[in-house]
């Protein structure tokens, strides 16, 4: 089938494109910056929602970009009945819904609005949609959460270790790519918003400890005790949300993911390659 991938240069796209090409699919990859073509893979420059070249009528469309913009584009093009539409949202739709920080509640609402808009336009056009809500993503050195921490630690040779007791469930970008491919083969996943977390739940403190251990350079651990984090929440308003969440559980129930798609993500065992852009498995 012909598959169109928006956000193809993203961390999930980095792992998804080789999987699709290996299956013998014809892939049209869209991003703001095109890359050299490969057998079975053609790159186009585009930007959602209104600067997208003509891609014909693909049998599947995948997006790792903003949901509302993606839904707007879908509503402007004819889709064949039964077209598979797969997109990623975020578990922030749940974890930030009741945040005491207004900006975080707004993020949650925007994600939910995007999910609803995507479902509405797909159902109107007879397309089969699936949305994944991943937890914290890592694996290709392109994320904006753990990778910046790892790089800063390597540069300064210091690694802050906050005393966070909330549970975390980091998910490797390649496991999300595997779930996307599985969704192409399992139409019973259509009409579902699926949480997608890693294969292991650990405390935030343990997560940071494992990141430090994975670095190729030695770093000096700098413990940040709970009392200091509480002080930081009061002294620096912009840190109130992130520091508060260190004590909250940010996890996903993979039950539906495993039941519908048979996907079991890996535990959190990062290595140095996870923090390098364009890293492989």
Protein backbone atom coordinates (compact mmCIF):
# COMPACT_ATOMS: atom_id res chain seq x y z
CA UNK A 1 0.00 0.00 0.00
CA UNK A 2 1.02 3.66 -0.30
CA UNK A 3 1.54 5.20 3.13
CA UNK A 4 1.93 8.92 3.83
CA UNK A 5 3.87 9.84 6.99
CA UNK A 6 3.72 13.35 8.43
CA UNK A 7 6.49 14.23 10.87
CA UNK A 8 8.69 11.66 9.17
CA UNK A 9 11.90 13.24 10.51
CA UNK A 10 10.68 12.97 14.12
CA UNK A 11 12.06 10.50 16.63
CA UNK A 12 9.24 8.04 15.96
CA UNK A 13 9.57 8.54 12.21
CA UNK A 14 13.28 7.71 12.52
CA UNK A 15 12.33 4.16 13.50
CA UNK A 16 9.06 3.84 11.58
CA UNK A 17 10.33 4.54 8.06
CA UNK A 18 12.80 1.59 7.97
CA UNK A 19 10.08 -0.71 9.33
CA UNK A 20 7.67 0.30 6.57
CA UNK A 21 10.26 0.04 3.80
CA UNK A 22 11.32 -3.40 5.07
CA UNK A 23 7.69 -4.53 4.69
CA UNK A 24 7.80 -3.52 1.03
CA UNK A 25 5.46 -0.56 1.46
CA UNK A 26 5.60 2.52 -0.78
CA UNK A 27 6.20 5.42 1.60
CA UNK A 28 5.77 9.15 1.04
CA UNK A 29 7.51 10.99 3.90
CA UNK A 30 6.63 14.62 4.61
CA UNK A 31 8.64 17.00 6.75
CA UNK A 32 9.84 20.59 6.71
CA UNK A 33 13.27 19.43 5.57
CA UNK A 34 13.47 16.75 2.89
CA UNK A 35 16.10 14.03 2.83
CA UNK A 36 17.54 11.94 -0.03
CA UNK A 37 15.14 9.43 -1.52
CA UNK A 38 15.67 5.70 -1.00
CA UNK A 39 14.12 2.66 -2.67
CA UNK A 40 10.49 2.61 -1.57
CA UNK A 41 10.78 5.99 0.18
CA UNK A 42 10.10 9.43 -1.31
CA UNK A 43 10.48 12.67 0.63
CA UNK A 44 8.30 15.75 0.15
CA UNK A 45 8.46 19.12 1.84
CA UNK A 46 5.27 20.13 3.56
CA UNK A 47 3.72 21.71 6.62
CA UNK A 48 0.34 21.03 8.18
CA UNK A 49 -2.38 22.05 7.67
CA UNK A 50 -2.23 24.14 4.47
CA UNK A 51 1.18 23.64 2.88
CA UNK A 52 0.94 20.01 1.90
CA UNK A 53 1.63 18.84 -1.67
CA UNK A 54 -0.76 16.54 -3.45
CA UNK A 55 -0.26 13.00 -2.13
CA UNK A 56 -3.11 11.38 -4.03
CA UNK A 57 -5.30 8.91 -2.14
CA UNK A 58 -3.03 6.78 0.04
CA UNK A 59 -4.37 3.71 1.80
CA UNK A 60 -2.86 4.84 5.10
CA UNK A 61 -1.91 8.19 6.61
CA UNK A 62 0.26 8.48 9.72
CA UNK A 63 1.03 11.66 11.63
CA UNK A 64 3.31 12.52 14.54
CA UNK A 65 2.49 16.22 14.36
CA UNK A 66 -0.13 18.49 15.94
CA UNK A 67 -3.50 16.76 16.00
CA UNK A 68 -5.69 19.76 15.20
CA UNK A 69 -3.61 20.73 12.17
CA UNK A 70 -3.65 17.12 10.98
CA UNK A 71 -7.43 16.93 11.39
CA UNK A 72 -7.84 20.17 9.44
CA UNK A 73 -5.81 18.78 6.54
CA UNK A 74 -7.74 15.49 6.59
CA UNK A 75 -10.95 17.45 6.34
CA UNK A 76 -9.71 19.25 3.23
CA UNK A 77 -8.79 16.18 1.14
CA UNK A 78 -10.88 13.26 -0.13
CA UNK A 79 -10.15 9.97 1.61
CA UNK A 80 -11.11 6.58 0.29
CA UNK A 81 -13.46 4.64 2.59
CA UNK A 82 -11.46 2.38 4.87
CA UNK A 83 -8.30 4.52 4.75
CA UNK A 84 -6.22 3.83 7.86
CA UNK A 85 -5.40 6.99 9.82
CA UNK A 86 -2.96 6.68 12.73
CA UNK A 87 -1.71 9.55 14.88
CA UNK A 88 0.04 10.22 18.17
CA UNK A 89 -1.29 12.36 20.97
CA UNK A 90 0.27 12.29 24.46
CA UNK A 91 -0.49 10.98 27.94
CA UNK A 92 -0.36 14.66 28.93
CA UNK A 93 -3.99 14.64 27.85
CA UNK A 94 -4.61 12.76 31.10
CA UNK A 95 -1.72 13.69 33.38
CA UNK A 96 -2.11 17.46 32.96
CA UNK A 97 -5.91 17.56 32.88
CA UNK A 98 -6.23 18.55 36.55
CA UNK A 99 -2.92 20.40 36.93
CA UNK A 100 -2.91 23.49 39.15
CA UNK A 101 -0.97 25.26 36.37
CA UNK A 102 -3.31 26.85 33.82
CA UNK A 103 -0.89 26.44 30.91
CA UNK A 104 -0.68 22.69 31.55
CA UNK A 105 -4.46 22.33 31.69
CA UNK A 106 -4.57 24.14 28.36
CA UNK A 107 -2.13 21.60 26.87
CA UNK A 108 -4.34 18.75 28.04
CA UNK A 109 -7.44 20.37 26.57
CA UNK A 110 -5.71 21.05 23.24
CA UNK A 111 -4.71 17.40 22.98
CA UNK A 112 -8.23 16.22 23.74
CA UNK A 113 -9.70 18.69 21.26
CA UNK A 114 -7.29 17.41 18.62
CA UNK A 115 -8.22 13.78 19.31
CA UNK A 116 -11.93 14.62 19.03
CA UNK A 117 -11.44 16.60 15.82
CA UNK A 118 -9.48 13.74 14.26
CA UNK A 119 -12.13 11.18 15.19
CA UNK A 120 -14.91 13.38 13.82
CA UNK A 121 -13.34 14.02 10.42
CA UNK A 122 -12.33 10.37 10.00
CA UNK A 123 -15.80 9.09 10.84
CA UNK A 124 -17.32 11.61 8.46
CA UNK A 125 -15.08 10.36 5.64
CA UNK A 126 -15.35 6.68 6.49
CA UNK A 127 -11.69 6.40 7.51
CA UNK A 128 -10.51 4.04 10.25
CA UNK A 129 -8.60 5.97 12.92
CA UNK A 130 -6.36 5.00 15.82
CA UNK A 131 -4.68 7.44 18.22
CA UNK A 132 -1.81 6.54 20.54
CA UNK A 133 -1.12 8.39 23.79
CA UNK A 134 2.57 7.70 24.56
CA UNK A 135 4.21 8.47 27.87
CA UNK A 136 7.68 10.06 28.00
CA UNK A 137 9.47 9.18 24.73
CA UNK A 138 13.20 8.50 24.34
CA UNK A 139 15.53 6.56 22.08
CA UNK A 140 16.66 8.70 19.13
CA UNK A 141 18.30 11.66 20.84
CA UNK A 142 15.54 13.96 19.56
CA UNK A 143 13.24 14.24 22.59
CA UNK A 144 12.94 17.41 24.64
CA UNK A 145 12.79 15.72 28.03
CA UNK A 146 15.56 13.28 28.92
CA UNK A 147 18.01 14.00 26.08
CA UNK A 148 18.62 17.66 27.07
CA UNK A 149 19.27 16.51 30.66
CA UNK A 150 21.74 13.89 29.47
CA UNK A 151 23.60 16.29 27.20
CA UNK A 152 23.80 19.02 29.82
CA UNK A 153 25.17 16.53 32.31
CA UNK A 154 27.85 15.40 29.85
CA UNK A 155 28.81 19.00 29.15
CA UNK A 156 29.00 20.04 32.81
CA UNK A 157 30.03 16.62 34.18
CA UNK A 158 27.30 17.12 36.82
CA UNK A 159 24.03 15.19 37.00
CA UNK A 160 21.19 16.51 39.19
CA UNK A 161 19.23 13.66 40.81
CA UNK A 162 15.86 14.90 42.10
CA UNK A 163 14.19 12.85 44.83
CA UNK A 164 11.04 12.06 42.85
CA UNK A 165 8.79 9.24 44.11
CA UNK A 166 6.20 9.43 41.34
CA UNK A 167 6.18 6.51 38.93
CA UNK A 168 7.42 6.90 35.35
CA UNK A 169 7.07 4.65 32.30
CA UNK A 170 9.48 5.87 29.57
CA UNK A 171 8.70 4.39 26.16
CA UNK A 172 11.26 3.84 23.40
CA UNK A 173 10.37 5.56 20.12
CA UNK A 174 10.90 2.30 18.24
CA UNK A 175 8.23 0.60 20.37
CA UNK A 176 5.79 3.31 19.29
CA UNK A 177 6.83 2.67 15.68
CA UNK A 178 6.13 -1.04 16.22
CA UNK A 179 2.67 -0.20 17.57
CA UNK A 180 1.94 1.97 14.53
CA UNK A 181 2.87 -0.88 12.17
CA UNK A 182 0.75 -3.30 14.21
CA UNK A 183 -2.22 -0.93 13.94
CA UNK A 184 -1.94 -1.09 10.14
CA UNK A 185 -2.45 -4.84 10.35
CA UNK A 186 -5.19 -4.84 12.99
CA UNK A 187 -8.34 -2.97 11.90
CA UNK A 188 -9.92 -3.92 15.22
CA UNK A 189 -7.79 -1.15 16.75
CA UNK A 190 -9.81 1.43 14.78
CA UNK A 191 -11.83 3.86 16.85
CA UNK A 192 -9.54 3.56 19.88
CA UNK A 193 -7.38 6.03 21.79
CA UNK A 194 -4.66 3.74 23.14
CA UNK A 195 -2.34 4.59 26.06
CA UNK A 196 1.21 3.52 25.27
CA UNK A 197 3.84 3.33 27.98
CA UNK A 198 7.14 1.56 28.36
CA UNK A 199 7.40 -1.98 29.68
CA UNK A 200 8.49 -0.94 33.17
CA UNK A 201 7.29 1.43 35.87
CA UNK A 202 10.01 3.02 37.98
CA UNK A 203 10.23 6.06 40.24
CA UNK A 204 11.29 9.35 38.72
CA UNK A 205 14.42 9.21 40.88
CA UNK A 206 15.35 5.77 39.51
CA UNK A 207 14.69 6.95 35.96
CA UNK A 208 17.23 9.77 36.31
CA UNK A 209 19.71 7.41 37.96
CA UNK A 210 19.50 5.05 34.97
CA UNK A 211 19.99 7.91 32.53
CA UNK A 212 23.15 8.90 34.40
CA UNK A 213 24.45 5.33 34.32
CA UNK A 214 23.92 5.17 30.56
CA UNK A 215 26.15 8.15 29.77
CA UNK A 216 29.50 7.50 28.07
CA UNK A 217 31.23 10.03 30.34
CA UNK A 218 31.48 10.01 34.14
CA UNK A 219 29.36 12.64 35.90
CA UNK A 220 29.18 13.77 39.50
CA UNK A 221 25.75 13.02 41.01
CA UNK A 222 24.09 16.01 42.67
CA UNK A 223 21.18 14.81 44.85
CA UNK A 224 18.25 17.23 45.09
CA UNK A 225 16.35 16.40 48.31
CA UNK A 226 12.59 16.73 48.64
CA UNK A 227 12.78 19.87 50.80
CA UNK A 228 14.80 21.65 48.12
CA UNK A 229 12.26 20.69 45.46
CA UNK A 230 9.43 22.03 47.62
CA UNK A 231 11.34 25.30 47.98
CA UNK A 232 11.86 25.42 44.23
CA UNK A 233 8.12 25.08 43.60
CA UNK A 234 7.49 28.19 45.68
CA UNK A 235 10.47 30.23 44.55
CA UNK A 236 10.27 29.60 40.78
CA UNK A 237 6.67 29.66 39.49
CA UNK A 238 7.55 28.25 36.06
CA UNK A 239 8.94 25.12 37.75
CA UNK A 240 5.88 24.50 39.90
CA UNK A 241 4.26 22.10 37.45
CA UNK A 242 7.34 19.99 36.59
CA UNK A 243 8.51 19.78 40.21
CA UNK A 244 5.04 18.88 41.48
CA UNK A 245 4.77 16.08 38.92
CA UNK A 246 7.90 14.46 40.36
CA UNK A 247 5.61 13.13 43.11
CA UNK A 248 2.79 12.16 40.73
CA UNK A 249 2.43 8.87 38.82
CA UNK A 250 2.70 9.46 35.06
CA UNK A 251 2.02 5.99 33.69
CA UNK A 252 -0.10 4.23 31.09
CA UNK A 253 -2.18 1.06 31.16
CA UNK A 254 -0.91 -1.06 28.26
CA UNK A 255 -3.72 -3.58 28.58
CA UNK A 256 -5.64 -2.51 25.45
CA UNK A 257 -2.39 -2.09 23.51
CA UNK A 258 -1.43 -5.68 24.22
CA UNK A 259 -4.94 -7.06 23.72
CA UNK A 260 -5.62 -5.36 20.39
CA UNK A 261 -2.14 -5.21 18.88
CA UNK A 262 -0.01 -7.75 20.74
CA UNK A 263 2.64 -5.08 21.42
CA UNK A 264 4.74 -5.29 24.61
CA UNK A 265 7.18 -2.37 24.92
CA UNK A 266 10.64 -2.91 26.35
CA UNK A 267 11.74 -1.99 29.91
CA UNK A 268 13.75 1.17 30.47
CA UNK A 269 17.35 0.18 29.80
CA UNK A 270 18.88 3.20 28.02
CA UNK A 271 22.38 3.27 26.56
CA UNK A 272 24.57 6.13 25.33
CA UNK A 273 23.09 5.90 21.83
CA UNK A 274 19.69 6.98 23.16
CA UNK A 275 21.00 10.53 23.63
CA UNK A 276 22.64 10.89 20.21
CA UNK A 277 20.55 12.34 17.35
CA UNK A 278 19.81 9.77 14.70
CA UNK A 279 20.80 6.86 16.93
CA UNK A 280 19.79 3.37 15.90
CA UNK A 281 18.54 0.43 17.96
